[in-house]
Amino acid sequence: MAAIPAVGNHKWRLAVGAAAGWNYKDDHHAPHDKWSQYPDHHRSSGPVCGLDPAFCEAPASIAPYIWPDDITKWPICRKRKEHADTPPSEAEHMVCEVIGHPCCIGIRGECQITTREFCDFVKGNFHEEAALCSQVSCMDDVCGLIPFRQRDVPDQFYRTWTSLFLHAGIFHLVMTLAFQYWLVRDLEKLIGAKRLGLIYLGSGMVGNLASAIFVPNRAEVGPCGAHFGVLAASIVEVIHQWPSLKYPEMAVLKLVGVTAVFFLSGLLPWIDNYAHLFGFIFGFLVSYAILPFVTFGVYDRRRKVVLLWLCLVFAVLIFVGLILLFYVSPIQDCEVCKYFNCIPITKDFCSEQNINLKTDSG
């Protein structure tokens, strides 16, 4: 992807070979082949068009910050050295006009070396300052906010809760407000703002973690996991207050029915059932552990305290387990997982989600 000057055939071969990193030697320009004239001539990869440690002044390739042999780890050269005894025409690999630069395309941060015109056509982010895809972080372009500390590691943990307050449009926001007016407002009066906040944020974060693990490479917003945690808390509150309610069975059936309808809706495209499931489970366990309860006798109290600690331990194990799955051992190939999130009633029913549970081999 470089425009080579109109020079003789031997210069053209030297320029193209150097740009591609070939181990190529030209008989007419032996002093300028690969690394023979440089102190670090032991390198196995040659100069890249526009990049050469021996010709770069900032950042300079000097100890202890010597450019590695792997060209994919080379930094961006901000200032080139000027050699009075080396005319530009004698080192085409340094002066060729580069028209191809990294372009970040799509929500998955795919990088291609292409022209600005093509990058603008596909609505990508063009990086004119870089020559290699390894020199840019496409996920920073996609996600924004605080840059990734390590470019290849999904280390922005704060997104597990910030996404709870974002919505995909006015209709999505109205649905959230309606749900919270219908259920969250009254539940807050019963259990208190602190307990409700812990259940809401914890369930939402766990739901988002599960979604990132089982449905990767998909942008999602909204507090669906938190809402299922609130539904679970409402069921737990009915269980704790069972003896004091007139019709506890009807209250539980009503809440279970609403939860089942929401779970069934999660089988439609663009609705995340994994956030629903894990948000509900975590919300139920935490609610059982922190909500106030009534006991009748020493035995009943002892039994409920044991259940309280068991629920708390399982909730912590789920949270830690999901973090380990996400950061340490991510799930990359799970063909069955997608059917819980969307049932393909027709051939193209779930295709709009563009779910890819396999990593690219290339």
Protein backbone atom coordinates (compact mmCIF):
# COMPACT_ATOMS: atom_id res chain seq x y z
CA MET A 1 0.00 0.00 0.00
CA ALA A 2 2.68 2.46 -0.94
CA ALA A 3 3.21 4.73 -3.91
CA ILE A 4 6.75 3.99 -5.13
CA PRO A 5 8.66 6.76 -6.95
CA ALA A 6 9.22 6.30 -10.65
CA VAL A 7 12.84 5.12 -10.54
CA GLY A 8 14.84 2.37 -12.19
CA ASN A 9 13.79 -1.25 -11.88
CA HIS A 10 16.53 -2.09 -9.35
CA LYS A 11 15.47 0.81 -7.12
CA TRP A 12 11.84 -0.24 -7.38
CA ARG A 13 12.73 -3.76 -6.25
CA LEU A 14 14.79 -2.41 -3.36
CA ALA A 15 11.98 -0.11 -2.22
CA VAL A 16 9.28 -2.78 -2.36
CA GLY A 17 11.50 -5.38 -0.72
CA ALA A 18 12.44 -3.07 2.12
CA ALA A 19 8.85 -1.93 2.61
CA ALA A 20 7.73 -5.54 2.96
CA GLY A 21 10.59 -6.43 5.30
CA TRP A 22 12.30 -8.84 2.88
CA ASN A 23 15.92 -9.90 3.29
CA TYR A 24 16.86 -8.43 -0.05
CA LYS A 25 20.18 -7.12 -1.34
CA ASP A 26 20.58 -5.00 -4.42
CA ASP A 27 23.91 -5.23 -6.29
CA HIS A 28 23.83 -1.56 -7.28
CA HIS A 29 23.08 -0.28 -3.75
CA ALA A 30 24.81 -2.74 -1.48
CA PRO A 31 25.56 -0.15 1.28
CA HIS A 32 21.83 0.35 1.79
CA ASP A 33 20.60 -3.25 1.94
CA LYS A 34 18.59 -4.20 5.03
CA TRP A 35 20.71 -3.70 8.20
CA SER A 36 24.28 -4.17 6.93
CA GLN A 37 25.39 -0.61 7.69
CA TYR A 38 23.71 -0.32 11.09
CA PRO A 39 25.03 -1.45 14.48
CA ASP A 40 22.01 -3.72 15.01
CA HIS A 41 22.42 -5.58 11.73
CA HIS A 42 21.60 -8.87 13.48
CA ARG A 43 17.88 -8.14 13.16
CA SER A 44 15.85 -10.66 11.18
CA SER A 45 13.25 -8.14 9.92
CA GLY A 46 14.10 -5.29 7.61
CA PRO A 47 12.86 -1.70 7.44
CA VAL A 48 9.19 -0.97 6.92
CA CYS A 49 8.19 1.86 4.62
CA GLY A 50 8.46 4.94 6.80
CA LEU A 51 9.90 3.07 9.80
CA ASP A 52 13.54 2.30 10.54
CA PRO A 53 15.21 2.37 14.00
CA ALA A 54 18.46 3.61 12.47
CA PHE A 55 16.73 6.61 10.88
CA CYS A 56 14.43 7.52 13.79
CA GLU A 57 15.50 10.17 16.28
CA ALA A 58 12.38 10.22 18.47
CA PRO A 59 11.92 7.72 19.94
CA ALA A 60 15.52 6.70 19.37
CA SER A 61 16.49 3.05 19.34
CA ILE A 62 19.13 3.25 22.06
CA ALA A 63 19.66 1.33 25.26
CA PRO A 64 17.71 0.56 27.32
CA TYR A 65 14.84 1.32 24.93
CA ILE A 66 16.04 -0.53 21.83
CA TRP A 67 13.34 -1.22 19.28
CA PRO A 68 12.55 -4.96 19.37
CA ASP A 69 13.16 -7.27 16.46
CA ASP A 70 9.41 -7.83 16.13
CA ILE A 71 8.18 -5.00 13.86
CA THR A 72 4.64 -5.34 15.24
CA LYS A 73 5.93 -3.87 18.49
CA TRP A 74 7.66 -0.87 16.92
CA PRO A 75 6.58 2.57 18.17
CA ILE A 76 5.51 5.44 15.94
CA CYS A 77 8.51 7.44 14.74
CA ARG A 78 7.76 11.07 15.57
CA LYS A 79 11.01 12.55 14.21
CA ARG A 80 13.42 11.18 11.61
CA LYS A 81 17.15 11.67 11.54
CA GLU A 82 18.65 13.62 8.69
CA HIS A 83 21.80 12.23 7.12
CA ALA A 84 23.74 14.67 4.99
CA ASP A 85 25.71 11.86 3.35
CA THR A 86 22.61 9.86 2.45
CA PRO A 87 20.45 11.51 -0.20
CA PRO A 88 16.77 10.57 -0.03
CA SER A 89 16.97 8.90 -3.42
CA GLU A 90 19.49 6.40 -1.98
CA ALA A 91 17.08 5.00 0.64
CA GLU A 92 13.65 4.60 -0.92
CA HIS A 93 12.39 2.60 2.04
CA MET A 94 12.55 5.81 4.09
CA VAL A 95 11.16 8.34 1.61
CA CYS A 96 8.48 6.41 -0.27
CA GLU A 97 5.09 8.07 -0.15
CA VAL A 98 2.89 5.98 2.10
CA ILE A 99 -0.81 6.15 1.21
CA GLY A 100 -1.92 3.17 3.30
CA HIS A 101 -2.36 3.61 7.05
CA PRO A 102 -4.24 1.75 9.81
CA CYS A 103 -8.00 2.13 9.66
CA CYS A 104 -10.19 0.95 12.57
CA ILE A 105 -13.49 -0.43 11.27
CA GLY A 106 -16.65 -1.54 13.05
CA ILE A 107 -17.59 -2.06 16.69
CA ARG A 108 -15.11 -4.94 17.05
CA GLY A 109 -12.12 -2.73 16.30
CA GLU A 110 -10.99 -4.50 13.13
CA CYS A 111 -7.83 -2.89 11.72
CA GLN A 112 -6.93 -2.72 8.03
CA ILE A 113 -4.11 -0.96 6.18
CA THR A 114 -5.94 1.11 3.60
CA THR A 115 -6.37 4.57 2.12
CA ARG A 116 -8.13 7.48 3.74
CA GLU A 117 -10.82 7.42 1.04
CA PHE A 118 -11.73 3.79 1.75
CA CYS A 119 -11.60 4.37 5.50
CA ASP A 120 -13.98 7.32 5.19
CA PHE A 121 -16.28 5.24 2.96
CA VAL A 122 -16.65 2.49 5.59
CA LYS A 123 -16.92 5.14 8.35
CA GLY A 124 -13.74 4.05 10.11
CA ASN A 125 -11.10 5.91 12.11
CA PHE A 126 -8.03 6.67 9.99
CA HIS A 127 -4.64 6.81 11.77
CA GLU A 128 -2.35 8.80 9.52
CA GLU A 129 0.36 8.99 12.19
CA ALA A 130 0.88 5.21 12.24
CA ALA A 131 2.21 2.70 9.71
CA LEU A 132 1.27 -0.61 11.39
CA CYS A 133 -1.95 -1.88 12.91
CA SER A 134 0.05 -2.88 15.99
CA GLN A 135 0.76 0.81 16.64
CA VAL A 136 -2.89 1.76 17.18
CA SER A 137 -5.59 0.67 19.60
CA CYS A 138 -8.81 0.29 17.65
CA MET A 139 -10.78 -0.62 20.76
CA ASP A 140 -9.96 2.82 22.17
CA ASP A 141 -11.60 4.32 19.09
CA VAL A 142 -14.67 2.13 19.53
CA CYS A 143 -15.12 2.50 23.29
CA GLY A 144 -13.82 5.99 24.01
CA LEU A 145 -13.62 7.33 27.57
CA ILE A 146 -10.50 6.13 29.43
CA PRO A 147 -7.99 4.32 27.17
CA PHE A 148 -7.22 0.65 27.76
CA ARG A 149 -4.20 0.17 30.02
CA GLN A 150 -3.18 -2.85 27.93
CA ARG A 151 -4.36 -2.68 24.36
CA ASP A 152 -5.13 -6.40 23.99
CA VAL A 153 -6.70 -6.88 27.45
CA PRO A 154 -10.31 -5.85 28.26
CA ASP A 155 -9.30 -4.09 31.47
CA GLN A 156 -11.98 -1.39 31.65
CA PHE A 157 -13.85 -2.89 34.60
CA TYR A 158 -15.77 0.33 35.27
CA ARG A 159 -17.96 -0.44 32.24
CA THR A 160 -19.73 -3.15 34.21
CA TRP A 161 -21.67 -0.44 36.05
CA THR A 162 -21.51 2.64 33.80
CA SER A 163 -23.50 0.83 31.10
CA LEU A 164 -26.38 0.42 33.57
CA PHE A 165 -27.17 4.12 33.19
CA LEU A 166 -27.03 4.24 29.38
CA HIS A 167 -29.95 3.51 27.07
CA ALA A 168 -30.42 2.69 23.40
CA GLY A 169 -33.05 5.36 22.78
CA ILE A 170 -36.10 7.09 24.23
CA PHE A 171 -38.26 3.96 24.14
CA HIS A 172 -35.64 2.00 26.09
CA LEU A 173 -35.42 4.79 28.67
CA VAL A 174 -39.21 4.97 29.04
CA MET A 175 -39.38 1.20 29.66
CA THR A 176 -36.72 1.51 32.38
CA LEU A 177 -38.53 4.37 34.09
CA ALA A 178 -41.87 2.52 33.93
CA PHE A 179 -40.39 -0.61 35.50
CA GLN A 180 -38.68 1.31 38.26
CA TYR A 181 -41.85 3.30 38.99
CA TRP A 182 -43.89 0.09 39.14
CA LEU A 183 -41.59 -1.98 41.35
CA VAL A 184 -38.39 -0.27 42.49
CA ARG A 185 -40.11 2.71 44.15
CA ASP A 186 -42.16 0.58 46.56
CA LEU A 187 -39.35 -1.90 47.19
CA GLU A 188 -37.02 0.92 48.23
CA LYS A 189 -39.53 1.95 50.92
CA LEU A 190 -39.57 -1.61 52.27
CA ILE A 191 -35.88 -2.52 52.35
CA GLY A 192 -34.13 0.88 52.31
CA ALA A 193 -32.04 2.72 49.73
CA LYS A 194 -28.69 1.19 50.76
CA ARG A 195 -29.84 -2.42 50.47
CA LEU A 196 -31.63 -1.70 47.20
CA GLY A 197 -28.57 0.08 45.79
CA LEU A 198 -26.33 -2.88 46.63
CA ILE A 199 -28.73 -5.32 44.98
CA TYR A 200 -29.27 -3.08 41.95
CA LEU A 201 -25.59 -2.38 41.22
CA GLY A 202 -24.38 -5.88 42.11
CA SER A 203 -26.97 -7.64 39.94
CA GLY A 204 -26.34 -5.27 37.05
CA MET A 205 -22.56 -5.74 37.19
CA VAL A 206 -22.83 -9.53 37.37
CA GLY A 207 -25.32 -9.53 34.49
CA ASN A 208 -22.99 -7.41 32.36
CA LEU A 209 -20.04 -9.69 33.13
CA ALA A 210 -22.03 -12.77 32.11
CA SER A 211 -23.16 -11.02 28.94
CA ALA A 212 -19.57 -10.12 28.02
CA ILE A 213 -18.52 -13.75 28.55
CA PHE A 214 -21.29 -15.64 26.77
CA VAL A 215 -22.23 -13.04 24.12
CA PRO A 216 -18.89 -11.34 23.31
CA ASN A 217 -18.19 -8.56 20.83
CA ARG A 218 -21.59 -6.92 21.17
CA ALA A 219 -22.30 -3.41 22.38
CA GLU A 220 -25.02 -3.43 25.05
CA VAL A 221 -26.52 -0.85 27.39
CA GLY A 222 -29.28 -0.75 29.97
CA PRO A 223 -30.02 -2.11 33.46
CA CYS A 224 -31.75 -5.37 32.51
CA GLY A 225 -29.56 -7.42 34.87
CA ALA A 226 -30.25 -4.95 37.69
CA HIS A 227 -34.00 -5.14 37.06
CA PHE A 228 -33.96 -8.93 37.33
CA GLY A 229 -32.03 -8.58 40.56
CA VAL A 230 -34.82 -6.32 41.84
CA LEU A 231 -37.43 -8.90 40.78
CA ALA A 232 -35.52 -11.55 42.73
CA ALA A 233 -35.35 -9.23 45.75
CA SER A 234 -39.13 -8.79 45.61
CA ILE A 235 -39.63 -12.56 45.63
CA VAL A 236 -37.24 -12.91 48.59
CA GLU A 237 -39.10 -10.15 50.45
CA VAL A 238 -42.37 -12.09 50.01
CA ILE A 239 -40.69 -15.28 51.29
CA HIS A 240 -39.33 -13.49 54.35
CA GLN A 241 -42.70 -11.92 55.12
CA TRP A 242 -44.73 -15.04 54.26
CA PRO A 243 -46.43 -15.49 57.65
CA SER A 244 -47.56 -11.86 57.81
CA LEU A 245 -49.13 -11.72 54.31
CA LYS A 246 -52.77 -12.56 53.62
CA TYR A 247 -52.22 -14.07 50.17
CA PRO A 248 -48.46 -14.76 49.81
CA GLU A 249 -49.02 -17.42 47.12
CA MET A 250 -50.67 -14.91 44.80
CA ALA A 251 -47.88 -12.37 45.35
CA VAL A 252 -45.21 -14.95 44.47
CA LEU A 253 -47.13 -16.21 41.42
CA LYS A 254 -47.51 -12.66 40.15
CA LEU A 255 -43.79 -11.92 40.47
CA VAL A 256 -42.78 -15.30 39.01
CA GLY A 257 -45.16 -14.77 36.08
CA VAL A 258 -43.69 -11.35 35.28
CA THR A 259 -40.17 -12.77 35.54
CA ALA A 260 -41.04 -15.67 33.21
CA VAL A 261 -42.46 -13.29 30.59
CA PHE A 262 -39.28 -11.22 30.69
CA PHE A 263 -37.16 -14.36 30.35
CA LEU A 264 -39.15 -15.42 27.29
CA SER A 265 -38.65 -11.98 25.77
CA GLY A 266 -34.91 -12.56 26.17
CA LEU A 267 -35.13 -15.21 23.44
CA LEU A 268 -35.80 -12.44 20.91
CA PRO A 269 -32.97 -10.66 19.05
CA TRP A 270 -31.17 -7.78 20.77
CA ILE A 271 -32.42 -8.72 24.26
CA ASP A 272 -29.77 -10.19 26.55
CA ASN A 273 -30.97 -13.27 28.42
CA TYR A 274 -27.60 -13.93 30.06
CA ALA A 275 -27.78 -10.60 31.86
CA HIS A 276 -31.35 -11.55 32.90
CA LEU A 277 -30.34 -14.96 34.26
CA PHE A 278 -27.21 -14.03 36.17
CA GLY A 279 -28.71 -10.77 37.43
CA PHE A 280 -31.66 -12.74 38.84
CA ILE A 281 -29.49 -15.42 40.47
CA PHE A 282 -27.10 -12.90 42.04
CA GLY A 283 -29.99 -10.66 43.14
CA PHE A 284 -31.76 -13.60 44.79
CA LEU A 285 -28.65 -14.71 46.71
CA VAL A 286 -27.68 -11.23 47.88
CA SER A 287 -31.26 -10.37 48.82
CA TYR A 288 -31.58 -13.50 50.90
CA ALA A 289 -28.36 -12.56 52.66
CA ILE A 290 -29.01 -8.87 53.44
CA LEU A 291 -32.79 -8.38 53.67
CA PRO A 292 -34.32 -8.36 57.17
CA PHE A 293 -36.27 -11.48 58.13
CA VAL A 294 -38.57 -12.72 60.87
CA THR A 295 -37.79 -15.85 62.93
CA PHE A 296 -39.85 -18.03 65.24
CA GLY A 297 -37.70 -19.74 67.82
CA VAL A 298 -34.01 -20.58 68.13
CA TYR A 299 -34.06 -23.40 65.56
CA ASP A 300 -35.72 -21.24 62.91
CA ARG A 301 -33.24 -18.44 63.50
CA ARG A 302 -30.26 -20.79 63.30
CA ARG A 303 -31.53 -22.29 60.05
CA LYS A 304 -32.02 -18.91 58.45
CA VAL A 305 -28.58 -17.66 59.53
CA VAL A 306 -26.97 -20.72 57.92
CA LEU A 307 -28.93 -20.07 54.70
CA LEU A 308 -27.90 -16.41 54.86
CA TRP A 309 -24.19 -17.25 54.94
CA LEU A 310 -24.54 -19.90 52.23
CA CYS A 311 -26.25 -17.41 49.92
CA LEU A 312 -23.58 -14.80 50.61
CA VAL A 313 -20.75 -17.26 49.89
CA PHE A 314 -22.36 -18.45 46.64
CA ALA A 315 -22.93 -14.85 45.51
CA VAL A 316 -19.23 -14.04 46.05
CA LEU A 317 -18.19 -17.24 44.23
CA ILE A 318 -20.35 -16.35 41.23
CA PHE A 319 -18.92 -12.84 41.06
CA VAL A 320 -15.29 -14.02 41.35
CA GLY A 321 -15.89 -16.90 38.94
CA LEU A 322 -17.24 -14.58 36.25
CA ILE A 323 -14.27 -12.23 36.66
CA LEU A 324 -11.88 -15.17 36.24
CA LEU A 325 -13.77 -16.40 33.17
CA PHE A 326 -13.66 -12.95 31.61
CA TYR A 327 -10.04 -12.00 32.31
CA VAL A 328 -8.19 -15.30 32.77
CA SER A 329 -9.97 -17.98 30.74
CA PRO A 330 -12.54 -16.44 28.38
CA ILE A 331 -15.03 -18.65 26.56
CA GLN A 332 -14.24 -18.40 22.85
CA ASP A 333 -16.11 -21.33 21.29
CA CYS A 334 -19.61 -22.08 22.60
CA GLU A 335 -22.07 -23.01 19.88
CA VAL A 336 -24.83 -23.91 22.34
CA CYS A 337 -24.61 -20.62 24.27
CA LYS A 338 -26.25 -18.52 21.56
CA TYR A 339 -29.51 -20.51 21.66
CA PHE A 340 -30.27 -19.32 25.18
CA ASN A 341 -30.02 -15.73 23.99
CA CYS A 342 -31.95 -16.03 20.72
CA ILE A 343 -33.85 -18.96 19.23
CA PRO A 344 -33.47 -19.01 15.40
CA ILE A 345 -37.14 -19.45 14.48
CA THR A 346 -36.23 -18.69 10.87
CA LYS A 347 -32.89 -18.78 9.07
CA ASP A 348 -32.20 -15.07 9.47
CA PHE A 349 -34.13 -14.44 12.69
CA CYS A 350 -31.01 -14.06 14.86
CA SER A 351 -28.58 -12.97 12.14
CA GLU A 352 -29.01 -9.27 12.91
CA GLN A 353 -27.19 -9.75 16.21
CA ASN A 354 -23.99 -10.58 14.31
CA ILE A 355 -22.86 -12.86 17.12
CA ASN A 356 -19.42 -14.36 16.62
CA LEU A 357 -18.40 -16.72 19.40
CA LYS A 358 -15.19 -17.85 17.68
CA THR A 359 -11.93 -15.97 17.47
CA ASP A 360 -10.47 -15.19 14.06
CA SER A 361 -7.69 -17.59 13.14
CA GLY A 362 -5.98 -15.12 10.81
